[in-house]
Every structure is written in structure tokens, then in C-alpha cells.
Amino acid sequence: MFAHNKRLQYTVRVAAPNPGLANLLLEQFGGPQGELAAACRYFTQAVAEDDAGRKDLLFDIATEELSHLEVIGSIVAMLNKGAKGQLAEAVQSEAELYRSLTGNGNDSHTTAILYGGGPALTNSAGVPWTAAYIDTIGEPTADLRSNIAAEARAKIVYERLMNVTDDPGIKDALGFLMTREIAHQKSFEKALHSIQPNFPQGKLPGNPQFTSVYFNMSKEDDLRGPWNEGGDWEFVADPQPAVDGGDGTATVGVSKQDVEALQAMAARTASDPTADPTTGADLGAGQAGQ
């Protein structure tokens, strides 16, 4: 059961309308790193989770993300207040109204016309929100790592948004949302490491012949570090196919009937390396009579 509290989780104070900034903030409303994507990601994980502690954690954070979506949506709506009334009542001339919406070199005129100044489920470029943003795989040791990364990406987007506004009220609200991304990362990381072992993800351990091997696949100016030296790393400076000791070819076992069919197809579609036919390219180049 969900119950909506009509007051926001964090107070929104917007100094003045700014349609261009509103458009940029849509990145955190309907974008891939935004609050709706986060809420849906954690909510669907929570519904499927069997561990009581993780289930509660995921529902709590999913619900808070919806609160953050409301905060961002309210900021967008406040920033669009002037444009909303002007568009509805046509109080400005066409040129003045268009300049007010596009003066910062952005696409806010598109979202204003299409959505009437309200927060749209798109990113700042107008791309519609999609469930493809949800990358849940159904394995907690993988999903929690993905959640940590998602919160980290969202924090970076909030930092960048804070850098493009001088409105102190907006910077304050965005700073709160950015800080909560840090808190969520901590919770997810604690939950991840409460599962022991949690690496490698899933149940199967992997083939020990390859789990600690580093293949040097890009030559020249090779840098070494803890990612490929020390500990139990085996550094293969010049890997050659096939690393499993085989001949590196692809084979398949097929029936006698399939072999005959495949041979017949190969014979029918075989190329003649001695042929030099006149082609459409030759005709187009004016070489038909040569």
C-alpha cells in the first residue's frame, strides 16, 4: 500500500522561472539516470526479493526515489510557470515568446509546446522514458553492484546540474538529492557485503585456468598495475589463439543428411575466382561497351 503525503520530502524554493534549466532537469525526471528509472529498478527488485532485509531496503529506497521524482517534477513545474501561462494565454508576441523559450540555446520550446510546461517523462533531449533503462538481472550480488553504479551516475548528473544554475534554492534541493545518492550507495554496498561470498556473482566459480589471467590484447606502451600484476595474476604478454590449447576453429557435429545438404548448398553457391563479369558498377561507370 502506498499513501501520498502532499508535502515534499525536501522544500523546493525557485527564485524565478527558467524554461531552459527546466529542460535540463528533465534528465533526472525521465532520463536513464533519473529518479523514475531508479524507483522502478528498486521496486521490481524488491517485489522479487526473498531476503527480508534486502526486500525492506529496496522498497524503502524505491519509495524514496518516487519522493525525489516528485521534488524534481515540482522544480521543473516551477521553472516553467511563466512559460506555461504565456503559452496558454498568448500574452506575448510570437517573437518574444519564442525568444523566452529558446534564449539559452536549448530545446525547452519543444517540451513546453508538447507538454504545456509540465514535467515530461523524457530526458533533456526529448527522448521518451523507456523500461530498457531498468537493468535488473535477478541475482542480488549483480543487481546490488548495478544499483551502486546507478546511484553513482545519478550523483554525477546532479553535480553537473548544480554547476549550470545560480539559483540558491535549486542548488540546495539538488544538493540534497545528490547527497541521498551517496546514502543509497552506502546502503547498497552494506547489503552487498552482507552476502558472503558475493564474488564472483552467481553460483558457478568460473574456470580457475582463466579467472586470474590477464591477456595483453593491445600492444605498445603497456602499463602494469594492480589490475594485471601482483597477487595471483598471470600476465600473458603475447596471447595467441587459441588460449584453450585447441586449434581455434569452430566445429559442429551434424547428421549425415545435414552434411549432404550443406555440401550441396556449398557447391551451388561456390564462387568462381576466375570470373570477371560485367556488373552494375561497370555499367554505371560507362564501361559497358569496353
C-alpha atoms as a PDB file:
ATOM      1  CA  MET A   1       0.000   0.000   0.000  1.00  0.00           C
ATOM      2  CA  PHE A   2       1.207   3.483  -0.818  1.00  0.00           C
ATOM      3  CA  ALA A   3      -0.061   6.648   0.822  1.00  0.00           C
ATOM      4  CA  HIS A   4       0.860  10.033  -0.634  1.00  0.00           C
ATOM      5  CA  ASN A   5       1.884  12.851   1.683  1.00  0.00           C
ATOM      6  CA  LYS A   6       1.092  16.129  -0.051  1.00  0.00           C
ATOM      7  CA  ARG A   7       4.214  17.799   1.321  1.00  0.00           C
ATOM      8  CA  LEU A   8       7.511  17.236  -0.465  1.00  0.00           C
ATOM      9  CA  GLN A   9      10.360  15.337   1.134  1.00  0.00           C
ATOM     10  CA  TYR A  10      12.503  18.455   0.672  1.00  0.00           C
ATOM     11  CA  THR A  11      11.361  22.054   0.332  1.00  0.00           C
ATOM     12  CA  VAL A  12      11.522  23.485  -3.188  1.00  0.00           C
ATOM     13  CA  ARG A  13      12.389  27.176  -3.481  1.00  0.00           C
ATOM     14  CA  VAL A  14      12.723  28.504  -7.032  1.00  0.00           C
ATOM     15  CA  ALA A  15      13.827  32.106  -7.433  1.00  0.00           C
ATOM     16  CA  ALA A  16      12.433  32.681 -10.932  1.00  0.00           C
ATOM     17  CA  PRO A  17      11.124  30.757 -13.948  1.00  0.00           C
ATOM     18  CA  ASN A  18      13.750  29.369 -16.310  1.00  0.00           C
ATOM     19  CA  PRO A  19      12.435  27.076 -19.067  1.00  0.00           C
ATOM     20  CA  GLY A  20      15.937  26.219 -20.261  1.00  0.00           C
ATOM     21  CA  LEU A  21      17.010  24.943 -16.846  1.00  0.00           C
ATOM     22  CA  ALA A  22      13.688  23.096 -16.525  1.00  0.00           C
ATOM     23  CA  ASN A  23      14.513  21.245 -19.701  1.00  0.00           C
ATOM     24  CA  LEU A  24      17.946  20.212 -18.397  1.00  0.00           C
ATOM     25  CA  LEU A  25      16.416  18.956 -15.150  1.00  0.00           C
ATOM     26  CA  LEU A  26      14.236  16.536 -17.111  1.00  0.00           C
ATOM     27  CA  GLU A  27      17.380  14.388 -17.259  1.00  0.00           C
ATOM     28  CA  GLN A  28      16.660  13.402 -13.654  1.00  0.00           C
ATOM     29  CA  PHE A  29      12.927  13.032 -14.247  1.00  0.00           C
ATOM     30  CA  GLY A  30      12.687  10.827 -17.322  1.00  0.00           C
ATOM     31  CA  GLY A  31      16.319  10.139 -18.185  1.00  0.00           C
ATOM     32  CA  PRO A  32      18.316   6.913 -17.832  1.00  0.00           C
ATOM     33  CA  GLN A  33      19.956   8.054 -14.580  1.00  0.00           C
ATOM     34  CA  GLY A  34      16.784   9.699 -13.302  1.00  0.00           C
ATOM     35  CA  GLU A  35      14.535   9.108 -10.339  1.00  0.00           C
ATOM     36  CA  LEU A  36      11.782   7.201 -12.165  1.00  0.00           C
ATOM     37  CA  ALA A  37      14.297   4.694 -13.518  1.00  0.00           C
ATOM     38  CA  ALA A  38      15.738   4.247 -10.031  1.00  0.00           C
ATOM     39  CA  ALA A  39      12.316   3.803  -8.434  1.00  0.00           C
ATOM     40  CA  CYS A  40      11.275   1.192 -10.999  1.00  0.00           C
ATOM     41  CA  ARG A  41      14.613  -0.622 -10.761  1.00  0.00           C
ATOM     42  CA  TYR A  42      14.473  -0.993  -6.976  1.00  0.00           C
ATOM     43  CA  PHE A  43      10.716  -1.614  -6.807  1.00  0.00           C
ATOM     44  CA  THR A  44      10.841  -4.540  -9.224  1.00  0.00           C
ATOM     45  CA  GLN A  45      13.850  -5.952  -7.395  1.00  0.00           C
ATOM     46  CA  ALA A  46      12.004  -5.653  -4.091  1.00  0.00           C
ATOM     47  CA  VAL A  47       8.917  -7.467  -5.358  1.00  0.00           C
ATOM     48  CA  ALA A  48      11.036 -10.445  -6.422  1.00  0.00           C
ATOM     49  CA  GLU A  49      13.385 -10.424  -3.404  1.00  0.00           C
ATOM     50  CA  ASP A  50      13.118 -13.326  -0.928  1.00  0.00           C
ATOM     51  CA  ASP A  51      15.519 -11.972   1.687  1.00  0.00           C
ATOM     52  CA  ALA A  52      13.504  -9.956   4.221  1.00  0.00           C
ATOM     53  CA  GLY A  53      16.230  -7.408   4.900  1.00  0.00           C
ATOM     54  CA  ARG A  54      17.003  -6.671   1.264  1.00  0.00           C
ATOM     55  CA  LYS A  55      13.296  -6.591   0.407  1.00  0.00           C
ATOM     56  CA  ASP A  56      12.673  -3.911   3.030  1.00  0.00           C
ATOM     57  CA  LEU A  57      15.744  -1.939   1.920  1.00  0.00           C
ATOM     58  CA  LEU A  58      14.720  -1.983  -1.730  1.00  0.00           C
ATOM     59  CA  PHE A  59      11.108  -0.971  -1.014  1.00  0.00           C
ATOM     60  CA  ASP A  60      12.272   1.880   1.226  1.00  0.00           C
ATOM     61  CA  ILE A  61      14.699   3.269  -1.335  1.00  0.00           C
ATOM     62  CA  ALA A  62      12.287   2.736  -4.238  1.00  0.00           C
ATOM     63  CA  THR A  63       9.650   4.731  -2.373  1.00  0.00           C
ATOM     64  CA  GLU A  64      12.145   7.475  -1.553  1.00  0.00           C
ATOM     65  CA  GLU A  65      13.085   7.669  -5.235  1.00  0.00           C
ATOM     66  CA  LEU A  66       9.445   8.413  -6.010  1.00  0.00           C
ATOM     67  CA  SER A  67       9.684  11.231  -3.465  1.00  0.00           C
ATOM     68  CA  HIS A  68      12.737  12.505  -5.319  1.00  0.00           C
ATOM     69  CA  LEU A  69      10.843  12.255  -8.608  1.00  0.00           C
ATOM     70  CA  GLU A  70       8.186  14.492  -7.048  1.00  0.00           C
ATOM     71  CA  VAL A  71      10.835  17.008  -5.962  1.00  0.00           C
ATOM     72  CA  ILE A  72      12.405  17.152  -9.429  1.00  0.00           C
ATOM     73  CA  GLY A  73       8.997  17.328 -11.095  1.00  0.00           C
ATOM     74  CA  SER A  74       7.979  20.198  -8.812  1.00  0.00           C
ATOM     75  CA  ILE A  75      11.164  22.124  -9.639  1.00  0.00           C
ATOM     76  CA  VAL A  76      10.542  21.606 -13.361  1.00  0.00           C
ATOM     77  CA  ALA A  77       6.951  22.793 -12.982  1.00  0.00           C
ATOM     78  CA  MET A  78       8.016  25.886 -11.022  1.00  0.00           C
ATOM     79  CA  LEU A  79      10.716  26.745 -13.560  1.00  0.00           C
ATOM     80  CA  ASN A  80       8.111  26.505 -16.326  1.00  0.00           C
ATOM     81  CA  LYS A  81       5.433  28.561 -14.572  1.00  0.00           C
ATOM     82  CA  GLY A  82       6.000  31.666 -16.674  1.00  0.00           C
ATOM     83  CA  ALA A  83       6.113  29.797 -19.949  1.00  0.00           C
ATOM     84  CA  LYS A  84       3.024  27.783 -19.036  1.00  0.00           C
ATOM     85  CA  GLY A  85       0.847  30.840 -18.581  1.00  0.00           C
ATOM     86  CA  GLN A  86       2.327  32.664 -21.561  1.00  0.00           C
ATOM     87  CA  LEU A  87       1.733  29.720 -23.848  1.00  0.00           C
ATOM     88  CA  ALA A  88      -1.793  29.203 -22.603  1.00  0.00           C
ATOM     89  CA  GLU A  89      -2.884  32.833 -22.779  1.00  0.00           C
ATOM     90  CA  ALA A  90      -0.597  34.171 -25.543  1.00  0.00           C
ATOM     91  CA  VAL A  91       0.298  37.268 -23.526  1.00  0.00           C
ATOM     92  CA  GLN A  92       3.465  37.877 -25.575  1.00  0.00           C
ATOM     93  CA  SER A  93       4.050  38.353 -29.248  1.00  0.00           C
ATOM     94  CA  GLU A  94       5.201  35.310 -31.175  1.00  0.00           C
ATOM     95  CA  ALA A  95       8.799  36.502 -31.367  1.00  0.00           C
ATOM     96  CA  GLU A  96       9.018  37.426 -27.684  1.00  0.00           C
ATOM     97  CA  LEU A  97       7.533  34.122 -26.578  1.00  0.00           C
ATOM     98  CA  TYR A  98       9.835  32.107 -28.816  1.00  0.00           C
ATOM     99  CA  ARG A  99      12.902  34.011 -27.584  1.00  0.00           C
ATOM    100  CA  SER A 100      11.909  33.429 -23.961  1.00  0.00           C
ATOM    101  CA  LEU A 101      11.780  29.681 -24.567  1.00  0.00           C
ATOM    102  CA  THR A 102      14.909  29.357 -26.683  1.00  0.00           C
ATOM    103  CA  GLY A 103      17.113  32.117 -25.325  1.00  0.00           C
ATOM    104  CA  ASN A 104      19.531  29.683 -23.704  1.00  0.00           C
ATOM    105  CA  GLY A 105      20.042  27.631 -26.857  1.00  0.00           C
ATOM    106  CA  ASN A 106      18.071  24.631 -25.642  1.00  0.00           C
ATOM    107  CA  ASP A 107      15.048  22.613 -26.677  1.00  0.00           C
ATOM    108  CA  SER A 108      12.743  23.862 -23.944  1.00  0.00           C
ATOM    109  CA  HIS A 109      10.334  25.166 -26.593  1.00  0.00           C
ATOM    110  CA  THR A 110       9.738  21.565 -27.679  1.00  0.00           C
ATOM    111  CA  THR A 111       8.844  20.298 -24.224  1.00  0.00           C
ATOM    112  CA  ALA A 112       6.853  23.413 -23.458  1.00  0.00           C
ATOM    113  CA  ILE A 113       4.733  23.063 -26.597  1.00  0.00           C
ATOM    114  CA  LEU A 114       4.262  19.305 -26.272  1.00  0.00           C
ATOM    115  CA  TYR A 115       3.735  19.105 -22.515  1.00  0.00           C
ATOM    116  CA  GLY A 116       2.445  22.569 -21.619  1.00  0.00           C
ATOM    117  CA  GLY A 117       5.271  23.326 -19.229  1.00  0.00           C
ATOM    118  CA  GLY A 118       4.710  20.241 -17.099  1.00  0.00           C
ATOM    119  CA  PRO A 119       7.397  17.686 -16.329  1.00  0.00           C
ATOM    120  CA  ALA A 120       7.580  15.171 -19.157  1.00  0.00           C
ATOM    121  CA  LEU A 121       8.763  11.578 -18.952  1.00  0.00           C
ATOM    122  CA  THR A 122      11.633  12.308 -21.307  1.00  0.00           C
ATOM    123  CA  ASN A 123      15.273  13.140 -20.895  1.00  0.00           C
ATOM    124  CA  SER A 124      16.604  16.631 -21.602  1.00  0.00           C
ATOM    125  CA  ALA A 125      16.861  15.822 -25.319  1.00  0.00           C
ATOM    126  CA  GLY A 126      13.209  14.791 -25.540  1.00  0.00           C
ATOM    127  CA  VAL A 127      13.865  11.036 -25.714  1.00  0.00           C
ATOM    128  CA  PRO A 128      10.911   9.218 -24.078  1.00  0.00           C
ATOM    129  CA  TRP A 129      11.494   7.228 -20.911  1.00  0.00           C
ATOM    130  CA  THR A 130      11.810   3.502 -21.503  1.00  0.00           C
ATOM    131  CA  ALA A 131      11.815   0.374 -19.357  1.00  0.00           C
ATOM    132  CA  ALA A 132      15.067  -0.502 -21.146  1.00  0.00           C
ATOM    133  CA  TYR A 133      16.730   1.735 -18.526  1.00  0.00           C
ATOM    134  CA  ILE A 134      15.995  -0.981 -15.950  1.00  0.00           C
ATOM    135  CA  ASP A 135      18.926  -3.399 -15.948  1.00  0.00           C
ATOM    136  CA  THR A 136      17.853  -5.814 -13.196  1.00  0.00           C
ATOM    137  CA  ILE A 137      19.140  -9.370 -13.773  1.00  0.00           C
ATOM    138  CA  GLY A 138      17.542 -11.138 -10.774  1.00  0.00           C
ATOM    139  CA  GLU A 139      20.777 -12.016  -8.930  1.00  0.00           C
ATOM    140  CA  PRO A 140      21.309  -9.849  -5.817  1.00  0.00           C
ATOM    141  CA  THR A 141      25.110  -9.808  -5.972  1.00  0.00           C
ATOM    142  CA  ALA A 142      24.885  -8.472  -9.532  1.00  0.00           C
ATOM    143  CA  ASP A 143      21.881  -6.185  -9.003  1.00  0.00           C
ATOM    144  CA  LEU A 144      23.325  -4.526  -5.901  1.00  0.00           C
ATOM    145  CA  ARG A 145      26.516  -3.701  -7.799  1.00  0.00           C
ATOM    146  CA  SER A 146      24.410  -2.272 -10.621  1.00  0.00           C
ATOM    147  CA  ASN A 147      22.416  -0.246  -8.082  1.00  0.00           C
ATOM    148  CA  ILE A 148      25.624   1.193  -6.611  1.00  0.00           C
ATOM    149  CA  ALA A 149      26.770   2.224 -10.086  1.00  0.00           C
ATOM    150  CA  ALA A 150      23.352   3.731 -10.889  1.00  0.00           C
ATOM    151  CA  GLU A 151      23.436   5.871  -7.747  1.00  0.00           C
ATOM    152  CA  ALA A 152      26.987   6.965  -8.603  1.00  0.00           C
ATOM    153  CA  ARG A 153      25.942   8.031 -12.105  1.00  0.00           C
ATOM    154  CA  ALA A 154      22.943   9.926 -10.743  1.00  0.00           C
ATOM    155  CA  LYS A 155      25.203  11.763  -8.280  1.00  0.00           C
ATOM    156  CA  ILE A 156      27.415  12.928 -11.138  1.00  0.00           C
ATOM    157  CA  VAL A 157      24.402  14.177 -13.111  1.00  0.00           C
ATOM    158  CA  TYR A 158      23.210  16.144 -10.060  1.00  0.00           C
ATOM    159  CA  GLU A 159      26.661  17.699  -9.691  1.00  0.00           C
ATOM    160  CA  ARG A 160      26.584  18.807 -13.327  1.00  0.00           C
ATOM    161  CA  LEU A 161      23.084  20.250 -12.954  1.00  0.00           C
ATOM    162  CA  MET A 162      24.179  22.187  -9.876  1.00  0.00           C
ATOM    163  CA  ASN A 163      27.001  23.667 -11.934  1.00  0.00           C
ATOM    164  CA  VAL A 164      24.625  25.194 -14.501  1.00  0.00           C
ATOM    165  CA  THR A 165      22.422  27.187 -12.105  1.00  0.00           C
ATOM    166  CA  ASP A 166      22.979  30.105  -9.737  1.00  0.00           C
ATOM    167  CA  ASP A 167      19.544  29.750  -8.142  1.00  0.00           C
ATOM    168  CA  PRO A 168      20.359  29.081  -4.464  1.00  0.00           C
ATOM    169  CA  GLY A 169      17.079  27.293  -3.758  1.00  0.00           C
ATOM    170  CA  ILE A 170      17.513  24.926  -6.670  1.00  0.00           C
ATOM    171  CA  LYS A 171      21.168  24.283  -5.808  1.00  0.00           C
ATOM    172  CA  ASP A 172      20.091  23.485  -2.244  1.00  0.00           C
ATOM    173  CA  ALA A 173      17.415  20.990  -3.336  1.00  0.00           C
ATOM    174  CA  LEU A 174      19.706  19.363  -5.901  1.00  0.00           C
ATOM    175  CA  GLY A 175      22.413  19.130  -3.238  1.00  0.00           C
ATOM    176  CA  PHE A 176      20.016  17.204  -1.020  1.00  0.00           C
ATOM    177  CA  LEU A 177      19.128  14.804  -3.835  1.00  0.00           C
ATOM    178  CA  MET A 178      22.811  14.357  -4.693  1.00  0.00           C
ATOM    179  CA  THR A 179      23.579  13.572  -1.048  1.00  0.00           C
ATOM    180  CA  ARG A 180      20.869  10.934  -0.892  1.00  0.00           C
ATOM    181  CA  GLU A 181      22.544   9.180  -3.827  1.00  0.00           C
ATOM    182  CA  ILE A 182      25.588   8.798  -1.577  1.00  0.00           C
ATOM    183  CA  ALA A 183      23.463   7.406   1.261  1.00  0.00           C
ATOM    184  CA  HIS A 184      21.856   4.885  -1.069  1.00  0.00           C
ATOM    185  CA  GLN A 185      25.237   3.772  -2.378  1.00  0.00           C
ATOM    186  CA  LYS A 186      26.324   3.084   1.196  1.00  0.00           C
ATOM    187  CA  SER A 187      23.182   1.082   1.943  1.00  0.00           C
ATOM    188  CA  PHE A 188      23.510  -0.988  -1.203  1.00  0.00           C
ATOM    189  CA  GLU A 189      27.187  -1.657  -0.568  1.00  0.00           C
ATOM    190  CA  LYS A 190      26.497  -2.755   3.007  1.00  0.00           C
ATOM    191  CA  ALA A 191      23.752  -5.046   1.708  1.00  0.00           C
ATOM    192  CA  LEU A 192      26.098  -6.458  -0.924  1.00  0.00           C
ATOM    193  CA  HIS A 193      28.817  -7.300   1.566  1.00  0.00           C
ATOM    194  CA  SER A 194      26.311  -8.828   3.983  1.00  0.00           C
ATOM    195  CA  ILE A 195      26.203 -11.625   1.386  1.00  0.00           C
ATOM    196  CA  GLN A 196      29.299 -13.774   1.765  1.00  0.00           C
ATOM    197  CA  PRO A 197      30.780 -14.726  -0.564  1.00  0.00           C
ATOM    198  CA  ASN A 198      29.497 -12.234  -3.125  1.00  0.00           C
ATOM    199  CA  PHE A 199      32.155 -12.639  -5.821  1.00  0.00           C
ATOM    200  CA  PRO A 200      32.050 -13.919  -8.449  1.00  0.00           C
ATOM    201  CA  GLN A 201      28.377 -13.220  -8.979  1.00  0.00           C
ATOM    202  CA  GLY A 202      26.043 -16.168  -9.149  1.00  0.00           C
ATOM    203  CA  LYS A 203      26.753 -19.753  -8.156  1.00  0.00           C
ATOM    204  CA  LEU A 204      29.447 -21.020 -10.515  1.00  0.00           C
ATOM    205  CA  PRO A 205      33.064 -20.161  -9.625  1.00  0.00           C
ATOM    206  CA  GLY A 206      34.479 -19.983 -13.139  1.00  0.00           C
ATOM    207  CA  ASN A 207      37.336 -21.933 -14.670  1.00  0.00           C
ATOM    208  CA  PRO A 208      40.435 -21.386 -12.484  1.00  0.00           C
ATOM    209  CA  GLN A 209      42.576 -21.743 -15.611  1.00  0.00           C
ATOM    210  CA  PHE A 210      41.370 -18.298 -16.737  1.00  0.00           C
ATOM    211  CA  THR A 211      39.981 -16.391 -13.708  1.00  0.00           C
ATOM    212  CA  SER A 212      43.332 -14.779 -12.843  1.00  0.00           C
ATOM    213  CA  VAL A 213      44.824 -14.447 -16.337  1.00  0.00           C
ATOM    214  CA  TYR A 214      45.357 -11.038 -17.957  1.00  0.00           C
ATOM    215  CA  PHE A 215      45.611 -11.101 -21.752  1.00  0.00           C
ATOM    216  CA  ASN A 216      47.616  -8.184 -23.171  1.00  0.00           C
ATOM    217  CA  MET A 217      45.356  -7.581 -26.162  1.00  0.00           C
ATOM    218  CA  SER A 218      46.536  -4.042 -27.049  1.00  0.00           C
ATOM    219  CA  LYS A 219      50.237  -3.713 -27.817  1.00  0.00           C
ATOM    220  CA  GLU A 220      52.772  -0.915 -27.175  1.00  0.00           C
ATOM    221  CA  ASP A 221      53.111   1.323 -24.114  1.00  0.00           C
ATOM    222  CA  ASP A 222      51.646  -1.385 -21.888  1.00  0.00           C
ATOM    223  CA  LEU A 223      51.033  -0.150 -18.368  1.00  0.00           C
ATOM    224  CA  ARG A 224      51.116  -2.523 -15.467  1.00  0.00           C
ATOM    225  CA  GLY A 225      49.260  -2.102 -12.212  1.00  0.00           C
ATOM    226  CA  PRO A 226      47.196  -3.995  -9.652  1.00  0.00           C
ATOM    227  CA  TRP A 227      44.705  -4.774 -12.400  1.00  0.00           C
ATOM    228  CA  ASN A 228      47.213  -7.007 -14.208  1.00  0.00           C
ATOM    229  CA  GLU A 229      50.223  -7.675 -11.987  1.00  0.00           C
ATOM    230  CA  GLY A 230      50.989  -8.853  -8.482  1.00  0.00           C
ATOM    231  CA  GLY A 231      48.958 -11.197  -6.372  1.00  0.00           C
ATOM    232  CA  ASP A 232      47.906 -14.220  -8.367  1.00  0.00           C
ATOM    233  CA  TRP A 233      47.776 -12.511 -11.800  1.00  0.00           C
ATOM    234  CA  GLU A 234      49.291 -14.329 -14.748  1.00  0.00           C
ATOM    235  CA  PHE A 235      50.229 -11.744 -17.395  1.00  0.00           C
ATOM    236  CA  VAL A 236      50.203 -13.117 -20.940  1.00  0.00           C
ATOM    237  CA  ALA A 237      52.213 -10.577 -22.940  1.00  0.00           C
ATOM    238  CA  ASP A 238      51.534 -12.034 -26.388  1.00  0.00           C
ATOM    239  CA  PRO A 239      48.365 -14.131 -26.362  1.00  0.00           C
ATOM    240  CA  GLN A 240      47.887 -16.406 -29.344  1.00  0.00           C
ATOM    241  CA  PRO A 241      44.784 -18.286 -30.470  1.00  0.00           C
ATOM    242  CA  ALA A 242      43.554 -20.485 -29.124  1.00  0.00           C
ATOM    243  CA  VAL A 243      44.221 -19.945 -25.431  1.00  0.00           C
ATOM    244  CA  ASP A 244      42.492 -23.225 -24.546  1.00  0.00           C
ATOM    245  CA  GLY A 245      45.130 -25.232 -26.433  1.00  0.00           C
ATOM    246  CA  GLY A 246      42.833 -26.089 -29.332  1.00  0.00           C
ATOM    247  CA  ASP A 247      43.259 -25.134 -32.980  1.00  0.00           C
ATOM    248  CA  GLY A 248      40.945 -22.103 -32.753  1.00  0.00           C
ATOM    249  CA  THR A 249      38.453 -23.296 -35.331  1.00  0.00           C
ATOM    250  CA  ALA A 250      34.684 -23.669 -34.986  1.00  0.00           C
ATOM    251  CA  THR A 251      33.213 -27.127 -35.458  1.00  0.00           C
ATOM    252  CA  VAL A 252      29.809 -28.706 -35.063  1.00  0.00           C
ATOM    253  CA  GLY A 253      28.545 -32.262 -35.174  1.00  0.00           C
ATOM    254  CA  VAL A 254      25.774 -32.671 -37.752  1.00  0.00           C
ATOM    255  CA  SER A 255      23.873 -35.611 -39.161  1.00  0.00           C
ATOM    256  CA  LYS A 256      24.805 -37.308 -42.466  1.00  0.00           C
ATOM    257  CA  GLN A 257      21.678 -35.845 -44.039  1.00  0.00           C
ATOM    258  CA  ASP A 258      22.691 -32.320 -42.951  1.00  0.00           C
ATOM    259  CA  VAL A 259      26.228 -32.861 -44.277  1.00  0.00           C
ATOM    260  CA  GLU A 260      24.830 -33.739 -47.703  1.00  0.00           C
ATOM    261  CA  ALA A 261      22.537 -30.708 -47.703  1.00  0.00           C
ATOM    262  CA  LEU A 262      25.344 -28.390 -46.637  1.00  0.00           C
ATOM    263  CA  GLN A 263      27.678 -29.753 -49.307  1.00  0.00           C
ATOM    264  CA  ALA A 264      25.007 -29.286 -51.951  1.00  0.00           C
ATOM    265  CA  MET A 265      24.446 -25.685 -50.854  1.00  0.00           C
ATOM    266  CA  ALA A 266      28.203 -25.007 -50.830  1.00  0.00           C
ATOM    267  CA  ALA A 267      28.519 -26.354 -54.364  1.00  0.00           C
ATOM    268  CA  ARG A 268      25.543 -24.337 -55.587  1.00  0.00           C
ATOM    269  CA  THR A 269      26.790 -21.065 -54.082  1.00  0.00           C
ATOM    270  CA  ALA A 270      30.519 -21.508 -54.770  1.00  0.00           C
ATOM    271  CA  SER A 271      32.303 -18.502 -56.275  1.00  0.00           C
ATOM    272  CA  ASP A 272      34.448 -18.649 -59.421  1.00  0.00           C
ATOM    273  CA  PRO A 273      37.712 -16.772 -58.743  1.00  0.00           C
ATOM    274  CA  THR A 274      38.474 -16.653 -62.500  1.00  0.00           C
ATOM    275  CA  ALA A 275      35.255 -14.872 -63.432  1.00  0.00           C
ATOM    276  CA  ASP A 276      35.259 -11.158 -64.329  1.00  0.00           C
ATOM    277  CA  PRO A 277      31.606 -10.379 -65.033  1.00  0.00           C
ATOM    278  CA  THR A 278      30.237  -7.022 -66.133  1.00  0.00           C
ATOM    279  CA  THR A 279      28.360  -5.558 -63.187  1.00  0.00           C
ATOM    280  CA  GLY A 280      26.019  -2.692 -62.497  1.00  0.00           C
ATOM    281  CA  ALA A 281      29.013  -0.715 -61.272  1.00  0.00           C
ATOM    282  CA  ASP A 282      30.698  -1.218 -64.653  1.00  0.00           C
ATOM    283  CA  LEU A 283      27.553  -0.148 -66.491  1.00  0.00           C
ATOM    284  CA  GLY A 284      27.190   2.942 -64.323  1.00  0.00           C
ATOM    285  CA  ALA A 285      30.825   3.879 -64.975  1.00  0.00           C
ATOM    286  CA  GLY A 286      30.228   3.847 -68.730  1.00  0.00           C
ATOM    287  CA  GLN A 287      32.289   0.730 -69.284  1.00  0.00           C
ATOM    288  CA  ALA A 288      29.564  -1.410 -70.859  1.00  0.00           C
ATOM    289  CA  GLY A 289      30.939  -1.153 -74.370  1.00  0.00           C
ATOM    290  CA  GLN A 290      34.543  -1.727 -73.447  1.00  0.00           C
END
